Amino acid sequence: MKAILKLITVMSSVSLILVATQGQAKQREQTTEASFIIGFNDSFTIDGQQGSSVDFDSDYSIGFNIIYNYSSQFAVEFDWLTGRQDYLSNLVDDEGEVVDTVDHTASITHAQLHGTYYFSPENFSFYLQGGAGFSYIDSNIISGPPINICWWDPWFGYICEGFSATYSKSEFSYSASVGARYNLDNTTFIRASYSQIWVDLDHAKTSDMSVYKFEIGRSF
């Protein structure tokens, strides 16, 4: 119910920007577009083995989208979104008793290929979207001793820096979205959408994440 109410709010906000007369619709067929994304990642939980779990707080993210319009109503898109979310992890023993907690910040990135269907070729249209790709989750917890890497720099001479590996995972993910688009003019558009992203994890239940996106983009 919470997600539905947020979706209604997003769609209502987009509808309010419509002018009384839309004018001639922009022809999107066989055009390329790019957009900048501001996302809001809702809180979610990953349930692991033996009762272990990780609770993620909500936070913002940023990204970009590359779009190719095969027609005025069908498009193929590459979507990249990244952000940081605070989390609280419960660590358990063999009996499932919580023995410790970890309070830290994770880096989460989604990269997916989408198919998008617009219900109308007009300046304002709702759309449905489905996609698949990968999601990268980095706990930002060091997994081993630092590794020193040295090199010769043409300006600063011999440089050495230490890098530490962290506990991280790249997993297959898929998504479904519903949104609305409005063409501000022949080259500029905005979109608002709600996405549900499912991430397949090896040692935990498939996790679902809710993401709300606002985009502003241009056609080329």
C-alpha atoms as a PDB file:
ATOM      1  CA  MET A   1       0.000   0.000   0.000  1.00  0.00           C
ATOM      2  CA  LYS A   2       2.879   2.386   0.828  1.00  0.00           C
ATOM      3  CA  ALA A   3       4.444   1.826  -2.604  1.00  0.00           C
ATOM      4  CA  ILE A   4       1.094   2.362  -4.358  1.00  0.00           C
ATOM      5  CA  LEU A   5       0.509   5.658  -2.530  1.00  0.00           C
ATOM      6  CA  LYS A   6       3.992   6.879  -3.469  1.00  0.00           C
ATOM      7  CA  LEU A   7       3.395   5.882  -7.089  1.00  0.00           C
ATOM      8  CA  ILE A   8       0.106   7.815  -7.175  1.00  0.00           C
ATOM      9  CA  THR A   9       1.926  10.860  -5.780  1.00  0.00           C
ATOM     10  CA  VAL A  10       4.635  10.633  -8.450  1.00  0.00           C
ATOM     11  CA  MET A  11       2.124  10.283 -11.272  1.00  0.00           C
ATOM     12  CA  SER A  12       0.006  13.161  -9.956  1.00  0.00           C
ATOM     13  CA  SER A  13       3.051  15.426  -9.793  1.00  0.00           C
ATOM     14  CA  VAL A  14       3.930  14.663 -13.410  1.00  0.00           C
ATOM     15  CA  SER A  15       0.354  15.267 -14.564  1.00  0.00           C
ATOM     16  CA  LEU A  16       0.319  18.741 -12.975  1.00  0.00           C
ATOM     17  CA  ILE A  17       3.011  19.983 -15.343  1.00  0.00           C
ATOM     18  CA  LEU A  18       0.864  19.369 -18.418  1.00  0.00           C
ATOM     19  CA  VAL A  19      -0.255  22.513 -20.217  1.00  0.00           C
ATOM     20  CA  ALA A  20      -3.817  22.959 -21.381  1.00  0.00           C
ATOM     21  CA  THR A  21      -2.920  22.194 -24.993  1.00  0.00           C
ATOM     22  CA  GLN A  22      -0.058  19.860 -25.832  1.00  0.00           C
ATOM     23  CA  GLY A  23       0.489  20.881 -29.423  1.00  0.00           C
ATOM     24  CA  GLN A  24       2.046  18.579 -31.990  1.00  0.00           C
ATOM     25  CA  ALA A  25       3.632  15.440 -30.536  1.00  0.00           C
ATOM     26  CA  LYS A  26       7.358  14.949 -31.003  1.00  0.00           C
ATOM     27  CA  GLN A  27       8.267  12.085 -33.326  1.00  0.00           C
ATOM     28  CA  ARG A  28      10.597   9.777 -31.379  1.00  0.00           C
ATOM     29  CA  GLU A  29      11.043   7.076 -34.016  1.00  0.00           C
ATOM     30  CA  GLN A  30      14.702   6.088 -34.595  1.00  0.00           C
ATOM     31  CA  THR A  31      16.093   8.754 -32.273  1.00  0.00           C
ATOM     32  CA  THR A  32      18.703   8.506 -29.520  1.00  0.00           C
ATOM     33  CA  GLU A  33      18.227  10.129 -26.129  1.00  0.00           C
ATOM     34  CA  ALA A  34      20.179  10.515 -22.904  1.00  0.00           C
ATOM     35  CA  SER A  35      18.932  11.452 -19.461  1.00  0.00           C
ATOM     36  CA  PHE A  36      20.223  12.266 -15.983  1.00  0.00           C
ATOM     37  CA  ILE A  37      18.542  10.372 -13.135  1.00  0.00           C
ATOM     38  CA  ILE A  38      17.883  11.334  -9.531  1.00  0.00           C
ATOM     39  CA  GLY A  39      16.680   8.271  -7.637  1.00  0.00           C
ATOM     40  CA  PHE A  40      15.229   7.587  -4.224  1.00  0.00           C
ATOM     41  CA  ASN A  41      16.027   4.089  -2.970  1.00  0.00           C
ATOM     42  CA  ASP A  42      13.457   2.879  -0.456  1.00  0.00           C
ATOM     43  CA  SER A  43      14.489   0.919   2.640  1.00  0.00           C
ATOM     44  CA  PHE A  44      14.673  -2.868   2.264  1.00  0.00           C
ATOM     45  CA  THR A  45      15.816  -6.010   4.085  1.00  0.00           C
ATOM     46  CA  ILE A  46      17.952  -8.964   3.001  1.00  0.00           C
ATOM     47  CA  ASP A  47      17.155 -12.171   4.917  1.00  0.00           C
ATOM     48  CA  GLY A  48      20.121 -14.541   5.062  1.00  0.00           C
ATOM     49  CA  GLN A  49      20.823 -17.998   6.430  1.00  0.00           C
ATOM     50  CA  GLN A  50      20.223 -19.077  10.036  1.00  0.00           C
ATOM     51  CA  GLY A  51      18.219 -15.922  10.748  1.00  0.00           C
ATOM     52  CA  SER A  52      20.907 -13.434   9.741  1.00  0.00           C
ATOM     53  CA  SER A  53      19.673 -10.237   8.104  1.00  0.00           C
ATOM     54  CA  VAL A  54      20.667  -6.816   6.802  1.00  0.00           C
ATOM     55  CA  ASP A  55      18.353  -3.790   7.078  1.00  0.00           C
ATOM     56  CA  PHE A  56      19.080  -0.962   4.624  1.00  0.00           C
ATOM     57  CA  ASP A  57      17.917   2.619   5.185  1.00  0.00           C
ATOM     58  CA  SER A  58      16.423   4.689   2.370  1.00  0.00           C
ATOM     59  CA  ASP A  59      18.650   7.187   0.560  1.00  0.00           C
ATOM     60  CA  TYR A  60      19.183   8.985  -2.734  1.00  0.00           C
ATOM     61  CA  SER A  61      21.081   7.853  -5.823  1.00  0.00           C
ATOM     62  CA  ILE A  62      22.158   9.272  -9.174  1.00  0.00           C
ATOM     63  CA  GLY A  63      22.633   7.805 -12.620  1.00  0.00           C
ATOM     64  CA  PHE A  64      22.161   8.091 -16.353  1.00  0.00           C
ATOM     65  CA  ASN A  65      20.121   6.479 -19.098  1.00  0.00           C
ATOM     66  CA  ILE A  66      20.864   5.930 -22.805  1.00  0.00           C
ATOM     67  CA  ILE A  67      17.726   5.402 -24.909  1.00  0.00           C
ATOM     68  CA  TYR A  68      17.192   4.283 -28.490  1.00  0.00           C
ATOM     69  CA  ASN A  69      13.644   4.688 -29.789  1.00  0.00           C
ATOM     70  CA  TYR A  70      12.786   2.045 -32.381  1.00  0.00           C
ATOM     71  CA  SER A  71       9.407   3.705 -32.784  1.00  0.00           C
ATOM     72  CA  SER A  72       7.322   6.373 -31.072  1.00  0.00           C
ATOM     73  CA  GLN A  73       6.052   3.733 -28.642  1.00  0.00           C
ATOM     74  CA  PHE A  74       8.895   1.225 -28.169  1.00  0.00           C
ATOM     75  CA  ALA A  75      12.428   1.874 -26.904  1.00  0.00           C
ATOM     76  CA  VAL A  76      15.508  -0.011 -25.721  1.00  0.00           C
ATOM     77  CA  GLU A  77      17.433   1.561 -22.840  1.00  0.00           C
ATOM     78  CA  PHE A  78      20.613   1.129 -20.808  1.00  0.00           C
ATOM     79  CA  ASP A  79      20.138   2.340 -17.240  1.00  0.00           C
ATOM     80  CA  TRP A  80      22.932   2.878 -14.674  1.00  0.00           C
ATOM     81  CA  LEU A  81      22.147   3.954 -11.104  1.00  0.00           C
ATOM     82  CA  THR A  82      24.434   4.176  -8.076  1.00  0.00           C
ATOM     83  CA  GLY A  83      24.116   5.305  -4.473  1.00  0.00           C
ATOM     84  CA  ARG A  84      25.039   4.670  -0.848  1.00  0.00           C
ATOM     85  CA  GLN A  85      22.712   3.319   1.845  1.00  0.00           C
ATOM     86  CA  ASP A  86      23.302   2.909   5.573  1.00  0.00           C
ATOM     87  CA  TYR A  87      22.680  -0.598   6.877  1.00  0.00           C
ATOM     88  CA  LEU A  88      22.461  -2.578  10.108  1.00  0.00           C
ATOM     89  CA  SER A  89      23.505  -6.231   9.869  1.00  0.00           C
ATOM     90  CA  ASN A  90      22.658  -8.892  12.454  1.00  0.00           C
ATOM     91  CA  LEU A  91      25.371 -11.553  12.834  1.00  0.00           C
ATOM     92  CA  VAL A  92      24.204 -14.903  14.237  1.00  0.00           C
ATOM     93  CA  ASP A  93      25.786 -18.091  15.557  1.00  0.00           C
ATOM     94  CA  ASP A  94      24.943 -21.698  14.594  1.00  0.00           C
ATOM     95  CA  GLU A  95      21.865 -21.610  16.843  1.00  0.00           C
ATOM     96  CA  GLY A  96      20.523 -18.471  15.174  1.00  0.00           C
ATOM     97  CA  GLU A  97      21.259 -16.206  18.151  1.00  0.00           C
ATOM     98  CA  VAL A  98      22.390 -12.660  17.369  1.00  0.00           C
ATOM     99  CA  VAL A  99      25.979 -12.321  18.584  1.00  0.00           C
ATOM    100  CA  ASP A 100      26.923  -8.971  17.047  1.00  0.00           C
ATOM    101  CA  THR A 101      25.682  -6.163  14.811  1.00  0.00           C
ATOM    102  CA  VAL A 102      27.409  -4.138  12.114  1.00  0.00           C
ATOM    103  CA  ASP A 103      26.353  -0.532  11.454  1.00  0.00           C
ATOM    104  CA  HIS A 104      27.919   0.712   8.208  1.00  0.00           C
ATOM    105  CA  THR A 105      27.269   2.172   4.747  1.00  0.00           C
ATOM    106  CA  ALA A 106      27.036   0.125   1.543  1.00  0.00           C
ATOM    107  CA  SER A 107      27.564   1.178  -2.065  1.00  0.00           C
ATOM    108  CA  ILE A 108      24.881  -0.188  -4.413  1.00  0.00           C
ATOM    109  CA  THR A 109      24.948   0.013  -8.217  1.00  0.00           C
ATOM    110  CA  HIS A 110      22.371  -1.258 -10.718  1.00  0.00           C
ATOM    111  CA  ALA A 111      23.123  -1.595 -14.448  1.00  0.00           C
ATOM    112  CA  GLN A 112      20.337  -2.981 -16.638  1.00  0.00           C
ATOM    113  CA  LEU A 113      19.090  -3.203 -20.206  1.00  0.00           C
ATOM    114  CA  HIS A 114      15.394  -2.298 -20.495  1.00  0.00           C
ATOM    115  CA  GLY A 115      12.579  -2.583 -22.984  1.00  0.00           C
ATOM    116  CA  THR A 116      10.050   0.268 -22.741  1.00  0.00           C
ATOM    117  CA  TYR A 117       6.526   0.477 -24.141  1.00  0.00           C
ATOM    118  CA  TYR A 118       4.721   3.844 -24.302  1.00  0.00           C
ATOM    119  CA  PHE A 119       0.931   3.710 -24.334  1.00  0.00           C
ATOM    120  CA  SER A 120       0.743   6.775 -26.596  1.00  0.00           C
ATOM    121  CA  PRO A 121       3.020   8.554 -29.105  1.00  0.00           C
ATOM    122  CA  GLU A 122       1.801  11.933 -27.795  1.00  0.00           C
ATOM    123  CA  ASN A 123       3.823  14.418 -25.749  1.00  0.00           C
ATOM    124  CA  PHE A 124       2.447  12.943 -22.523  1.00  0.00           C
ATOM    125  CA  SER A 125       2.321   9.188 -22.090  1.00  0.00           C
ATOM    126  CA  PHE A 126       2.404   6.532 -19.411  1.00  0.00           C
ATOM    127  CA  TYR A 127       4.758   3.605 -20.006  1.00  0.00           C
ATOM    128  CA  LEU A 128       5.686   0.124 -18.823  1.00  0.00           C
ATOM    129  CA  GLN A 129       9.228  -1.184 -18.637  1.00  0.00           C
ATOM    130  CA  GLY A 130      10.989  -4.474 -17.992  1.00  0.00           C
ATOM    131  CA  GLY A 131      14.684  -5.193 -17.783  1.00  0.00           C
ATOM    132  CA  ALA A 132      17.574  -7.327 -16.603  1.00  0.00           C
ATOM    133  CA  GLY A 133      21.247  -6.882 -15.816  1.00  0.00           C
ATOM    134  CA  PHE A 134      23.376  -6.948 -12.693  1.00  0.00           C
ATOM    135  CA  SER A 135      23.448  -5.313  -9.272  1.00  0.00           C
ATOM    136  CA  TYR A 136      26.680  -4.677  -7.381  1.00  0.00           C
ATOM    137  CA  ILE A 137      26.546  -4.451  -3.581  1.00  0.00           C
ATOM    138  CA  ASP A 138      29.710  -3.427  -1.720  1.00  0.00           C
ATOM    139  CA  SER A 139      29.598  -3.678   2.075  1.00  0.00           C
ATOM    140  CA  ASN A 140      32.635  -1.350   2.330  1.00  0.00           C
ATOM    141  CA  ILE A 141      33.999  -3.688   5.011  1.00  0.00           C
ATOM    142  CA  ILE A 142      37.651  -4.593   4.436  1.00  0.00           C
ATOM    143  CA  SER A 143      38.124  -8.298   3.655  1.00  0.00           C
ATOM    144  CA  GLY A 144      41.902  -8.520   3.924  1.00  0.00           C
ATOM    145  CA  PRO A 145      45.202  -6.660   4.328  1.00  0.00           C
ATOM    146  CA  PRO A 146      45.875  -3.715   2.009  1.00  0.00           C
ATOM    147  CA  ILE A 147      47.686  -4.253  -1.268  1.00  0.00           C
ATOM    148  CA  ASN A 148      50.407  -1.750  -2.164  1.00  0.00           C
ATOM    149  CA  ILE A 149      50.583  -0.717  -5.813  1.00  0.00           C
ATOM    150  CA  CYS A 150      53.445   1.434  -7.113  1.00  0.00           C
ATOM    151  CA  TRP A 151      53.981   3.135 -10.459  1.00  0.00           C
ATOM    152  CA  TRP A 152      55.947   5.869 -12.200  1.00  0.00           C
ATOM    153  CA  ASP A 153      54.011   9.068 -12.827  1.00  0.00           C
ATOM    154  CA  PRO A 154      55.298  11.477 -15.541  1.00  0.00           C
ATOM    155  CA  TRP A 155      54.713  14.512 -13.275  1.00  0.00           C
ATOM    156  CA  PHE A 156      55.053  13.262  -9.684  1.00  0.00           C
ATOM    157  CA  GLY A 157      57.641  10.510 -10.047  1.00  0.00           C
ATOM    158  CA  TYR A 158      57.430   7.196  -8.192  1.00  0.00           C
ATOM    159  CA  ILE A 159      54.086   6.801  -6.337  1.00  0.00           C
ATOM    160  CA  CYS A 160      52.853   4.025  -4.043  1.00  0.00           C
ATOM    161  CA  GLU A 161      49.326   3.658  -2.711  1.00  0.00           C
ATOM    162  CA  GLY A 162      47.544   1.043  -0.640  1.00  0.00           C
ATOM    163  CA  PHE A 163      44.228  -0.483  -1.707  1.00  0.00           C
ATOM    164  CA  SER A 164      42.020  -2.750   0.394  1.00  0.00           C
ATOM    165  CA  ALA A 165      39.600  -5.354  -0.931  1.00  0.00           C
ATOM    166  CA  THR A 166      36.085  -5.342   0.544  1.00  0.00           C
ATOM    167  CA  TYR A 167      33.268  -7.835   0.887  1.00  0.00           C
ATOM    168  CA  SER A 168      31.192  -7.280  -2.249  1.00  0.00           C
ATOM    169  CA  LYS A 169      28.963  -9.132  -4.698  1.00  0.00           C
ATOM    170  CA  SER A 170      27.800  -8.727  -8.300  1.00  0.00           C
ATOM    171  CA  GLU A 171      24.539 -10.588  -8.880  1.00  0.00           C
ATOM    172  CA  PHE A 172      21.972 -11.028 -11.642  1.00  0.00           C
ATOM    173  CA  SER A 173      18.990  -8.708 -11.234  1.00  0.00           C
ATOM    174  CA  TYR A 174      15.756  -7.980 -13.083  1.00  0.00           C
ATOM    175  CA  SER A 175      13.150  -5.250 -12.806  1.00  0.00           C
ATOM    176  CA  ALA A 176       9.695  -3.962 -13.698  1.00  0.00           C
ATOM    177  CA  SER A 177       8.709  -0.290 -13.856  1.00  0.00           C
ATOM    178  CA  VAL A 178       5.732   1.962 -14.470  1.00  0.00           C
ATOM    179  CA  GLY A 179       6.128   5.641 -15.255  1.00  0.00           C
ATOM    180  CA  ALA A 180       5.090   8.741 -17.158  1.00  0.00           C
ATOM    181  CA  ARG A 181       6.881  10.891 -19.724  1.00  0.00           C
ATOM    182  CA  TYR A 182       6.314  14.459 -20.878  1.00  0.00           C
ATOM    183  CA  ASN A 183       8.089  16.225 -23.755  1.00  0.00           C
ATOM    184  CA  LEU A 184       8.842  19.815 -22.744  1.00  0.00           C
ATOM    185  CA  ASP A 185       9.806  20.665 -26.336  1.00  0.00           C
ATOM    186  CA  ASN A 186      11.272  18.916 -29.382  1.00  0.00           C
ATOM    187  CA  THR A 187      14.553  18.093 -27.634  1.00  0.00           C
ATOM    188  CA  THR A 188      13.901  18.019 -23.864  1.00  0.00           C
ATOM    189  CA  PHE A 189      11.792  15.587 -21.844  1.00  0.00           C
ATOM    190  CA  ILE A 190      11.164  14.573 -18.249  1.00  0.00           C
ATOM    191  CA  ARG A 191      10.103  11.220 -16.798  1.00  0.00           C
ATOM    192  CA  ALA A 192       8.995   9.964 -13.391  1.00  0.00           C
ATOM    193  CA  SER A 193       8.790   6.265 -12.541  1.00  0.00           C
ATOM    194  CA  TYR A 194       8.537   3.598  -9.873  1.00  0.00           C
ATOM    195  CA  SER A 195      10.746   0.497 -10.245  1.00  0.00           C
ATOM    196  CA  GLN A 196      10.852  -2.814  -8.439  1.00  0.00           C
ATOM    197  CA  ILE A 197      14.270  -4.497  -8.660  1.00  0.00           C
ATOM    198  CA  TRP A 198      14.815  -8.145  -7.717  1.00  0.00           C
ATOM    199  CA  VAL A 199      18.372  -9.311  -6.953  1.00  0.00           C
ATOM    200  CA  ASP A 200      19.262 -13.033  -6.952  1.00  0.00           C
ATOM    201  CA  LEU A 201      21.597 -13.690  -4.010  1.00  0.00           C
ATOM    202  CA  ASP A 202      23.593 -16.906  -3.475  1.00  0.00           C
ATOM    203  CA  HIS A 203      23.148 -17.230   0.284  1.00  0.00           C
ATOM    204  CA  ALA A 204      19.969 -15.247   0.919  1.00  0.00           C
ATOM    205  CA  LYS A 205      16.419 -14.898  -0.306  1.00  0.00           C
ATOM    206  CA  THR A 206      15.878 -12.948  -3.525  1.00  0.00           C
ATOM    207  CA  SER A 207      15.831  -9.336  -2.417  1.00  0.00           C
ATOM    208  CA  ASP A 208      13.383  -6.789  -3.813  1.00  0.00           C
ATOM    209  CA  MET A 209      14.238  -3.088  -3.867  1.00  0.00           C
ATOM    210  CA  SER A 210      11.930  -0.157  -4.625  1.00  0.00           C
ATOM    211  CA  VAL A 211      13.380   2.810  -6.522  1.00  0.00           C
ATOM    212  CA  TYR A 212      11.637   6.073  -7.440  1.00  0.00           C
ATOM    213  CA  LYS A 213      13.235   7.970 -10.319  1.00  0.00           C
ATOM    214  CA  PHE A 214      13.018  11.438 -11.795  1.00  0.00           C
ATOM    215  CA  GLU A 215      14.770  12.007 -15.129  1.00  0.00           C
ATOM    216  CA  ILE A 216      15.500  14.965 -17.343  1.00  0.00           C
ATOM    217  CA  GLY A 217      16.891  14.235 -20.788  1.00  0.00           C
ATOM    218  CA  ARG A 218      17.536  15.387 -24.334  1.00  0.00           C
ATOM    219  CA  SER A 219      17.133  13.941 -27.805  1.00  0.00           C
ATOM    220  CA  PHE A 220      19.947  13.832 -30.374  1.00  0.00           C
END
